[in-house]
Amino acid sequence: MKTISSSVRRSLFLLPLVLLAVLSGCENKRDSSDLAGQWQLLEWRDASDAVVRTKEDGIYYCFQLSLLELQPTLFCKYVETPDSIFFLGAYRNMYNTDTPIPFSEIAEYGIPADGRFGIDVLNGDDLVLSGKSGVLRFRRY
């Protein structure tokens, strides 16, 4: 019967440790927030309770890892607290954040001019945000 050399035994011993280190290094790349995912705007009402947009307007918010994607070339960095979302800046390219665009340029998506939303409802299926632009109601898509 052949015996395993000491260098092979060491390699077999170290292999699980290396795999564990590699896998744990990727662990923080997942977004476990209830906000994470894609949301379809169902209705946006302004301060006077008039309907501004509906689901027929095709507005989607995709939240992931502190980045909101509004369309393939329009992004916002944000910070989430238990009851609020604070947008830090809007950008046309998520890899070049040197030149932010004003929130006024993305107002058509419901982002308030001050970049702040209160989270009124957030569960597995529903999201309701309120801010200076009004109240936006979403469903998980």
N, C-alpha and C. Protein backbone atom coordinates (compact mmCIF):
# COMPACT_ATOMS: atom_id res chain seq x y z
N MET A 1 0.83 -1.17 0.00
CA MET A 1 0.00 0.00 0.00
C MET A 1 0.88 1.24 0.00
N LYS A 2 0.54 2.21 -0.84
CA LYS A 2 1.32 3.43 -0.94
C LYS A 2 0.99 4.36 0.21
N THR A 3 1.97 5.09 0.66
CA THR A 3 1.75 6.08 1.69
C THR A 3 1.75 7.46 1.05
N ILE A 4 1.02 8.36 1.63
CA ILE A 4 0.92 9.72 1.11
C ILE A 4 2.08 10.53 1.68
N SER A 5 2.75 11.24 0.80
CA SER A 5 3.89 12.03 1.25
C SER A 5 3.42 13.15 2.18
N SER A 6 4.34 13.66 2.95
CA SER A 6 3.99 14.70 3.92
C SER A 6 3.56 15.99 3.23
N SER A 7 4.14 16.31 2.07
CA SER A 7 3.74 17.54 1.36
C SER A 7 2.32 17.42 0.82
N VAL A 8 1.93 16.24 0.37
CA VAL A 8 0.56 16.04 -0.12
C VAL A 8 -0.42 16.12 1.05
N ARG A 9 -0.03 15.55 2.18
CA ARG A 9 -0.89 15.61 3.37
C ARG A 9 -1.10 17.05 3.81
N ARG A 10 -0.03 17.84 3.79
CA ARG A 10 -0.15 19.25 4.14
C ARG A 10 -1.08 19.98 3.18
N SER A 11 -0.95 19.68 1.90
CA SER A 11 -1.81 20.32 0.89
C SER A 11 -3.27 19.95 1.12
N LEU A 12 -3.51 18.68 1.42
CA LEU A 12 -4.89 18.26 1.67
C LEU A 12 -5.45 18.90 2.93
N PHE A 13 -4.61 19.13 3.90
CA PHE A 13 -5.03 19.79 5.12
C PHE A 13 -5.34 21.27 4.88
N LEU A 14 -4.53 21.93 4.05
CA LEU A 14 -4.70 23.36 3.80
C LEU A 14 -5.83 23.66 2.81
N LEU A 15 -6.19 22.73 1.97
CA LEU A 15 -7.22 22.97 0.96
C LEU A 15 -8.54 23.46 1.55
N PRO A 16 -9.09 22.81 2.58
CA PRO A 16 -10.34 23.33 3.16
C PRO A 16 -10.19 24.74 3.74
N LEU A 17 -9.03 25.04 4.31
CA LEU A 17 -8.82 26.38 4.87
C LEU A 17 -8.78 27.43 3.76
N VAL A 18 -8.14 27.12 2.65
CA VAL A 18 -8.09 28.05 1.52
C VAL A 18 -9.49 28.26 0.96
N LEU A 19 -10.24 27.18 0.78
CA LEU A 19 -11.61 27.30 0.27
C LEU A 19 -12.48 28.14 1.21
N LEU A 20 -12.33 27.95 2.49
CA LEU A 20 -13.09 28.72 3.46
C LEU A 20 -12.75 30.20 3.38
N ALA A 21 -11.48 30.51 3.23
CA ALA A 21 -11.06 31.91 3.12
C ALA A 21 -11.60 32.55 1.85
N VAL A 22 -11.58 31.83 0.75
CA VAL A 22 -12.09 32.37 -0.52
C VAL A 22 -13.59 32.60 -0.43
N LEU A 23 -14.32 31.65 0.08
CA LEU A 23 -15.78 31.78 0.16
C LEU A 23 -16.20 32.86 1.15
N SER A 24 -15.51 32.99 2.25
CA SER A 24 -15.89 34.02 3.21
C SER A 24 -15.54 35.41 2.69
N GLY A 25 -14.58 35.52 1.81
CA GLY A 25 -14.24 36.81 1.21
C GLY A 25 -15.35 37.32 0.32
N CYS A 26 -16.16 36.45 -0.22
CA CYS A 26 -17.27 36.84 -1.09
C CYS A 26 -18.55 37.07 -0.31
N GLU A 27 -18.58 36.72 0.94
CA GLU A 27 -19.80 36.79 1.74
C GLU A 27 -20.38 38.19 1.82
N ASN A 28 -19.56 39.22 1.91
CA ASN A 28 -20.08 40.56 2.09
C ASN A 28 -20.60 41.18 0.80
N LYS A 29 -20.59 40.45 -0.30
CA LYS A 29 -21.08 40.98 -1.56
C LYS A 29 -22.59 40.76 -1.74
N ARG A 30 -23.21 40.08 -0.80
CA ARG A 30 -24.65 39.87 -0.89
C ARG A 30 -25.38 40.98 -0.16
N ASP A 31 -26.52 41.34 -0.70
CA ASP A 31 -27.32 42.38 -0.08
C ASP A 31 -28.49 41.70 0.63
N SER A 32 -28.48 41.74 1.95
CA SER A 32 -29.52 41.06 2.71
C SER A 32 -30.65 42.01 3.13
N SER A 33 -30.62 43.23 2.67
CA SER A 33 -31.64 44.22 3.01
C SER A 33 -32.99 43.84 2.39
N ASP A 34 -34.07 44.17 3.09
CA ASP A 34 -35.41 43.96 2.52
C ASP A 34 -35.62 44.83 1.29
N LEU A 35 -34.87 45.90 1.18
CA LEU A 35 -34.98 46.82 0.06
C LEU A 35 -34.36 46.25 -1.21
N ALA A 36 -33.40 45.35 -1.07
CA ALA A 36 -32.67 44.81 -2.22
C ALA A 36 -33.62 44.13 -3.20
N GLY A 37 -33.40 44.41 -4.47
CA GLY A 37 -34.18 43.78 -5.52
C GLY A 37 -34.82 44.79 -6.44
N GLN A 38 -35.69 44.29 -7.29
CA GLN A 38 -36.34 45.15 -8.28
C GLN A 38 -37.78 45.45 -7.87
N TRP A 39 -38.14 46.73 -8.00
CA TRP A 39 -39.46 47.21 -7.60
C TRP A 39 -40.10 47.95 -8.76
N GLN A 40 -41.37 47.66 -9.01
CA GLN A 40 -42.13 48.34 -10.06
C GLN A 40 -42.99 49.42 -9.42
N LEU A 41 -42.89 50.65 -9.96
CA LEU A 41 -43.74 51.73 -9.48
C LEU A 41 -45.18 51.46 -9.88
N LEU A 42 -46.06 51.41 -8.91
CA LEU A 42 -47.49 51.22 -9.19
C LEU A 42 -48.20 52.56 -9.29
N GLU A 43 -47.82 53.47 -8.37
CA GLU A 43 -48.49 54.77 -8.35
C GLU A 43 -47.62 55.80 -7.63
N TRP A 44 -47.61 56.98 -8.18
CA TRP A 44 -46.90 58.11 -7.59
C TRP A 44 -47.90 59.24 -7.46
N ARG A 45 -48.14 59.67 -6.23
CA ARG A 45 -49.06 60.78 -5.96
C ARG A 45 -48.26 61.96 -5.42
N ASP A 46 -48.56 63.15 -5.90
CA ASP A 46 -47.86 64.34 -5.43
C ASP A 46 -48.47 64.83 -4.13
N ALA A 47 -48.00 65.97 -3.64
CA ALA A 47 -48.45 66.51 -2.34
C ALA A 47 -49.94 66.82 -2.32
N SER A 48 -50.53 67.14 -3.48
CA SER A 48 -51.97 67.43 -3.52
C SER A 48 -52.79 66.16 -3.77
N ASP A 49 -52.16 65.00 -3.69
CA ASP A 49 -52.78 63.69 -3.87
C ASP A 49 -53.19 63.41 -5.32
N ALA A 50 -52.67 64.17 -6.26
CA ALA A 50 -52.94 63.91 -7.68
C ALA A 50 -51.96 62.84 -8.17
N VAL A 51 -52.43 61.98 -9.06
CA VAL A 51 -51.59 60.92 -9.61
C VAL A 51 -50.62 61.54 -10.63
N VAL A 52 -49.34 61.29 -10.43
CA VAL A 52 -48.30 61.80 -11.32
C VAL A 52 -47.92 60.74 -12.34
N ARG A 53 -47.71 59.51 -11.87
CA ARG A 53 -47.33 58.39 -12.73
C ARG A 53 -48.01 57.13 -12.22
N THR A 54 -48.14 56.15 -13.12
CA THR A 54 -48.69 54.85 -12.76
C THR A 54 -47.78 53.76 -13.32
N LYS A 55 -48.15 52.51 -13.12
CA LYS A 55 -47.32 51.41 -13.59
C LYS A 55 -47.17 51.41 -15.11
N GLU A 56 -48.13 52.01 -15.81
CA GLU A 56 -48.04 52.09 -17.27
C GLU A 56 -46.85 52.93 -17.74
N ASP A 57 -46.30 53.75 -16.86
CA ASP A 57 -45.14 54.58 -17.21
C ASP A 57 -43.84 53.79 -17.21
N GLY A 58 -43.87 52.57 -16.70
CA GLY A 58 -42.69 51.69 -16.76
C GLY A 58 -41.49 52.16 -15.95
N ILE A 59 -41.72 52.61 -14.73
CA ILE A 59 -40.62 53.03 -13.87
C ILE A 59 -40.29 51.90 -12.90
N TYR A 60 -39.01 51.54 -12.86
CA TYR A 60 -38.52 50.47 -11.99
C TYR A 60 -37.35 50.99 -11.18
N TYR A 61 -37.28 50.56 -9.92
CA TYR A 61 -36.13 50.84 -9.07
C TYR A 61 -35.47 49.49 -8.80
N CYS A 62 -34.18 49.41 -8.99
CA CYS A 62 -33.44 48.18 -8.67
C CYS A 62 -32.36 48.53 -7.65
N PHE A 63 -32.59 48.12 -6.40
CA PHE A 63 -31.67 48.41 -5.30
C PHE A 63 -30.72 47.23 -5.10
N GLN A 64 -29.43 47.53 -5.03
CA GLN A 64 -28.46 46.47 -4.74
C GLN A 64 -27.16 47.10 -4.26
N LEU A 65 -26.70 46.65 -3.09
CA LEU A 65 -25.40 47.05 -2.55
C LEU A 65 -25.18 48.56 -2.57
N SER A 66 -26.10 49.31 -2.02
CA SER A 66 -26.02 50.77 -1.91
C SER A 66 -26.03 51.50 -3.24
N LEU A 67 -26.59 50.85 -4.26
CA LEU A 67 -26.68 51.46 -5.58
C LEU A 67 -28.09 51.22 -6.12
N LEU A 68 -28.73 52.29 -6.56
CA LEU A 68 -30.04 52.21 -7.19
C LEU A 68 -29.85 52.38 -8.69
N GLU A 69 -30.35 51.42 -9.45
CA GLU A 69 -30.33 51.53 -10.91
C GLU A 69 -31.73 51.93 -11.36
N LEU A 70 -31.82 53.05 -12.06
CA LEU A 70 -33.10 53.52 -12.60
C LEU A 70 -33.27 53.08 -14.05
N GLN A 71 -32.19 53.02 -14.76
CA GLN A 71 -32.13 52.49 -16.13
C GLN A 71 -30.68 52.11 -16.37
N PRO A 72 -30.37 51.44 -17.47
CA PRO A 72 -28.99 50.94 -17.65
C PRO A 72 -27.90 52.01 -17.57
N THR A 73 -28.22 53.26 -17.77
CA THR A 73 -27.19 54.30 -17.71
C THR A 73 -27.50 55.38 -16.68
N LEU A 74 -28.28 55.04 -15.66
CA LEU A 74 -28.64 56.03 -14.64
C LEU A 74 -28.66 55.37 -13.27
N PHE A 75 -27.79 55.86 -12.37
CA PHE A 75 -27.59 55.24 -11.07
C PHE A 75 -27.59 56.28 -9.97
N CYS A 76 -27.93 55.84 -8.76
CA CYS A 76 -27.85 56.69 -7.57
C CYS A 76 -27.19 55.88 -6.46
N LYS A 77 -26.24 56.50 -5.78
CA LYS A 77 -25.70 55.90 -4.56
C LYS A 77 -26.63 56.29 -3.43
N TYR A 78 -26.84 55.37 -2.49
CA TYR A 78 -27.75 55.67 -1.38
C TYR A 78 -27.28 55.02 -0.09
N VAL A 79 -27.84 55.53 1.00
CA VAL A 79 -27.66 54.95 2.33
C VAL A 79 -29.05 54.67 2.86
N GLU A 80 -29.23 53.48 3.41
CA GLU A 80 -30.53 53.09 3.97
C GLU A 80 -30.43 53.05 5.49
N THR A 81 -31.44 53.64 6.14
CA THR A 81 -31.60 53.51 7.58
C THR A 81 -32.91 52.73 7.79
N PRO A 82 -33.25 52.37 9.01
CA PRO A 82 -34.49 51.61 9.19
C PRO A 82 -35.74 52.32 8.69
N ASP A 83 -35.73 53.66 8.65
CA ASP A 83 -36.95 54.37 8.24
C ASP A 83 -36.74 55.37 7.10
N SER A 84 -35.56 55.37 6.48
CA SER A 84 -35.28 56.36 5.44
C SER A 84 -34.29 55.84 4.40
N ILE A 85 -34.30 56.52 3.26
CA ILE A 85 -33.29 56.33 2.21
C ILE A 85 -32.74 57.71 1.91
N PHE A 86 -31.42 57.80 1.90
CA PHE A 86 -30.74 59.06 1.58
C PHE A 86 -29.90 58.85 0.34
N PHE A 87 -30.24 59.52 -0.75
CA PHE A 87 -29.45 59.43 -1.97
C PHE A 87 -28.27 60.38 -1.86
N LEU A 88 -27.11 59.87 -2.17
CA LEU A 88 -25.88 60.65 -2.03
C LEU A 88 -25.47 61.33 -3.32
N GLY A 89 -25.92 60.80 -4.43
CA GLY A 89 -25.59 61.37 -5.73
C GLY A 89 -26.16 60.54 -6.84
N ALA A 90 -26.35 61.17 -7.98
CA ALA A 90 -26.85 60.49 -9.19
C ALA A 90 -25.76 60.56 -10.25
N TYR A 91 -25.66 59.48 -11.04
CA TYR A 91 -24.58 59.37 -12.01
C TYR A 91 -25.07 58.68 -13.28
N ARG A 92 -24.47 59.04 -14.39
CA ARG A 92 -24.79 58.39 -15.67
C ARG A 92 -23.94 57.15 -15.89
N ASN A 93 -22.89 56.99 -15.11
CA ASN A 93 -22.02 55.84 -15.25
C ASN A 93 -21.62 55.41 -13.84
N MET A 94 -21.93 54.17 -13.49
CA MET A 94 -21.64 53.73 -12.13
C MET A 94 -20.15 53.57 -11.86
N TYR A 95 -19.33 53.53 -12.89
CA TYR A 95 -17.89 53.39 -12.71
C TYR A 95 -17.17 54.73 -12.66
N ASN A 96 -17.86 55.80 -13.06
CA ASN A 96 -17.26 57.13 -13.02
C ASN A 96 -18.17 58.03 -12.20
N THR A 97 -17.85 58.15 -10.93
CA THR A 97 -18.67 58.96 -10.03
C THR A 97 -18.03 60.32 -9.78
N ASP A 98 -17.13 60.72 -10.66
CA ASP A 98 -16.49 62.03 -10.52
C ASP A 98 -17.41 63.18 -10.92
N THR A 99 -18.39 62.88 -11.76
CA THR A 99 -19.27 63.92 -12.27
C THR A 99 -20.73 63.58 -11.94
N PRO A 100 -21.19 63.95 -10.75
CA PRO A 100 -22.59 63.68 -10.42
C PRO A 100 -23.52 64.58 -11.23
N ILE A 101 -24.74 64.09 -11.41
CA ILE A 101 -25.76 64.91 -12.07
C ILE A 101 -26.75 65.37 -11.00
N PRO A 102 -27.37 66.53 -11.18
CA PRO A 102 -28.31 67.02 -10.15
C PRO A 102 -29.56 66.13 -10.10
N PHE A 103 -30.15 66.05 -8.91
CA PHE A 103 -31.37 65.27 -8.74
C PHE A 103 -32.50 65.80 -9.62
N SER A 104 -32.44 67.07 -9.98
CA SER A 104 -33.48 67.63 -10.84
C SER A 104 -33.53 66.94 -12.20
N GLU A 105 -32.41 66.36 -12.64
CA GLU A 105 -32.37 65.65 -13.92
C GLU A 105 -33.02 64.28 -13.85
N ILE A 106 -33.26 63.78 -12.65
CA ILE A 106 -33.92 62.48 -12.52
C ILE A 106 -35.26 62.60 -11.78
N ALA A 107 -35.78 63.81 -11.73
CA ALA A 107 -37.05 64.05 -11.05
C ALA A 107 -38.19 63.25 -11.66
N GLU A 108 -38.10 62.93 -12.94
CA GLU A 108 -39.16 62.17 -13.61
C GLU A 108 -39.30 60.75 -13.07
N TYR A 109 -38.31 60.29 -12.29
CA TYR A 109 -38.36 58.97 -11.65
C TYR A 109 -38.87 59.05 -10.21
N GLY A 110 -39.20 60.26 -9.76
CA GLY A 110 -39.74 60.42 -8.42
C GLY A 110 -38.71 60.72 -7.35
N ILE A 111 -37.44 60.79 -7.72
CA ILE A 111 -36.41 61.11 -6.73
C ILE A 111 -36.58 62.56 -6.29
N PRO A 112 -36.75 62.81 -5.00
CA PRO A 112 -36.93 64.19 -4.52
C PRO A 112 -35.69 65.05 -4.75
N ALA A 113 -35.89 66.34 -4.86
CA ALA A 113 -34.78 67.28 -5.08
C ALA A 113 -33.76 67.22 -3.95
N ASP A 114 -34.21 66.91 -2.73
CA ASP A 114 -33.27 66.82 -1.61
C ASP A 114 -32.67 65.42 -1.45
N GLY A 115 -33.12 64.47 -2.28
CA GLY A 115 -32.56 63.12 -2.25
C GLY A 115 -32.94 62.30 -1.05
N ARG A 116 -34.07 62.62 -0.40
CA ARG A 116 -34.47 61.89 0.81
C ARG A 116 -35.88 61.32 0.68
N PHE A 117 -36.01 60.08 1.10
CA PHE A 117 -37.30 59.41 1.17
C PHE A 117 -37.49 58.86 2.58
N GLY A 118 -38.70 58.92 3.08
CA GLY A 118 -39.06 58.17 4.27
C GLY A 118 -39.59 56.82 3.80
N ILE A 119 -39.29 55.76 4.52
CA ILE A 119 -39.82 54.44 4.20
C ILE A 119 -41.06 54.24 5.05
N ASP A 120 -42.23 54.31 4.42
CA ASP A 120 -43.49 54.12 5.13
C ASP A 120 -43.85 52.65 5.27
N VAL A 121 -43.60 51.87 4.21
CA VAL A 121 -43.87 50.43 4.21
C VAL A 121 -42.73 49.75 3.47
N LEU A 122 -42.21 48.68 4.07
CA LEU A 122 -41.20 47.85 3.41
C LEU A 122 -41.36 46.44 3.92
N ASN A 123 -41.88 45.59 3.05
CA ASN A 123 -41.98 44.17 3.39
C ASN A 123 -41.65 43.37 2.14
N GLY A 124 -41.87 42.11 2.16
CA GLY A 124 -41.49 41.27 1.04
C GLY A 124 -42.13 41.63 -0.29
N ASP A 125 -43.30 42.24 -0.25
CA ASP A 125 -44.03 42.52 -1.49
C ASP A 125 -44.28 43.99 -1.77
N ASP A 126 -44.28 44.82 -0.75
CA ASP A 126 -44.68 46.22 -0.91
C ASP A 126 -43.62 47.18 -0.40
N LEU A 127 -43.53 48.32 -1.10
CA LEU A 127 -42.64 49.40 -0.70
C LEU A 127 -43.38 50.71 -0.92
N VAL A 128 -43.46 51.52 0.12
CA VAL A 128 -44.08 52.85 0.01
C VAL A 128 -43.05 53.85 0.52
N LEU A 129 -42.71 54.80 -0.36
CA LEU A 129 -41.74 55.85 -0.04
C LEU A 129 -42.43 57.19 -0.06
N SER A 130 -42.07 58.06 0.88
CA SER A 130 -42.65 59.41 0.89
C SER A 130 -41.51 60.42 0.98
N GLY A 131 -41.70 61.50 0.24
CA GLY A 131 -40.70 62.56 0.23
C GLY A 131 -41.31 63.82 -0.34
N LYS A 132 -40.47 64.80 -0.66
CA LYS A 132 -40.96 66.05 -1.20
C LYS A 132 -41.61 65.89 -2.56
N SER A 133 -41.28 64.80 -3.25
CA SER A 133 -41.89 64.57 -4.56
C SER A 133 -43.25 63.89 -4.45
N GLY A 134 -43.63 63.48 -3.24
CA GLY A 134 -44.92 62.84 -3.03
C GLY A 134 -44.75 61.46 -2.42
N VAL A 135 -45.75 60.61 -2.66
CA VAL A 135 -45.75 59.24 -2.14
C VAL A 135 -45.68 58.29 -3.33
N LEU A 136 -44.69 57.40 -3.30
CA LEU A 136 -44.50 56.41 -4.35
C LEU A 136 -44.79 55.04 -3.80
N ARG A 137 -45.64 54.30 -4.49
CA ARG A 137 -46.02 52.95 -4.06
C ARG A 137 -45.50 51.94 -5.09
N PHE A 138 -44.76 50.94 -4.61
CA PHE A 138 -44.13 49.94 -5.46
C PHE A 138 -44.59 48.54 -5.08
N ARG A 139 -44.38 47.61 -6.01
CA ARG A 139 -44.51 46.18 -5.71
C ARG A 139 -43.20 45.52 -6.13
N ARG A 140 -42.86 44.46 -5.40
CA ARG A 140 -41.64 43.71 -5.78
C ARG A 140 -41.89 43.08 -7.14
N TYR A 141 -40.90 43.18 -7.99
CA TYR A 141 -41.07 42.72 -9.37
C TYR A 141 -40.21 41.52 -9.63
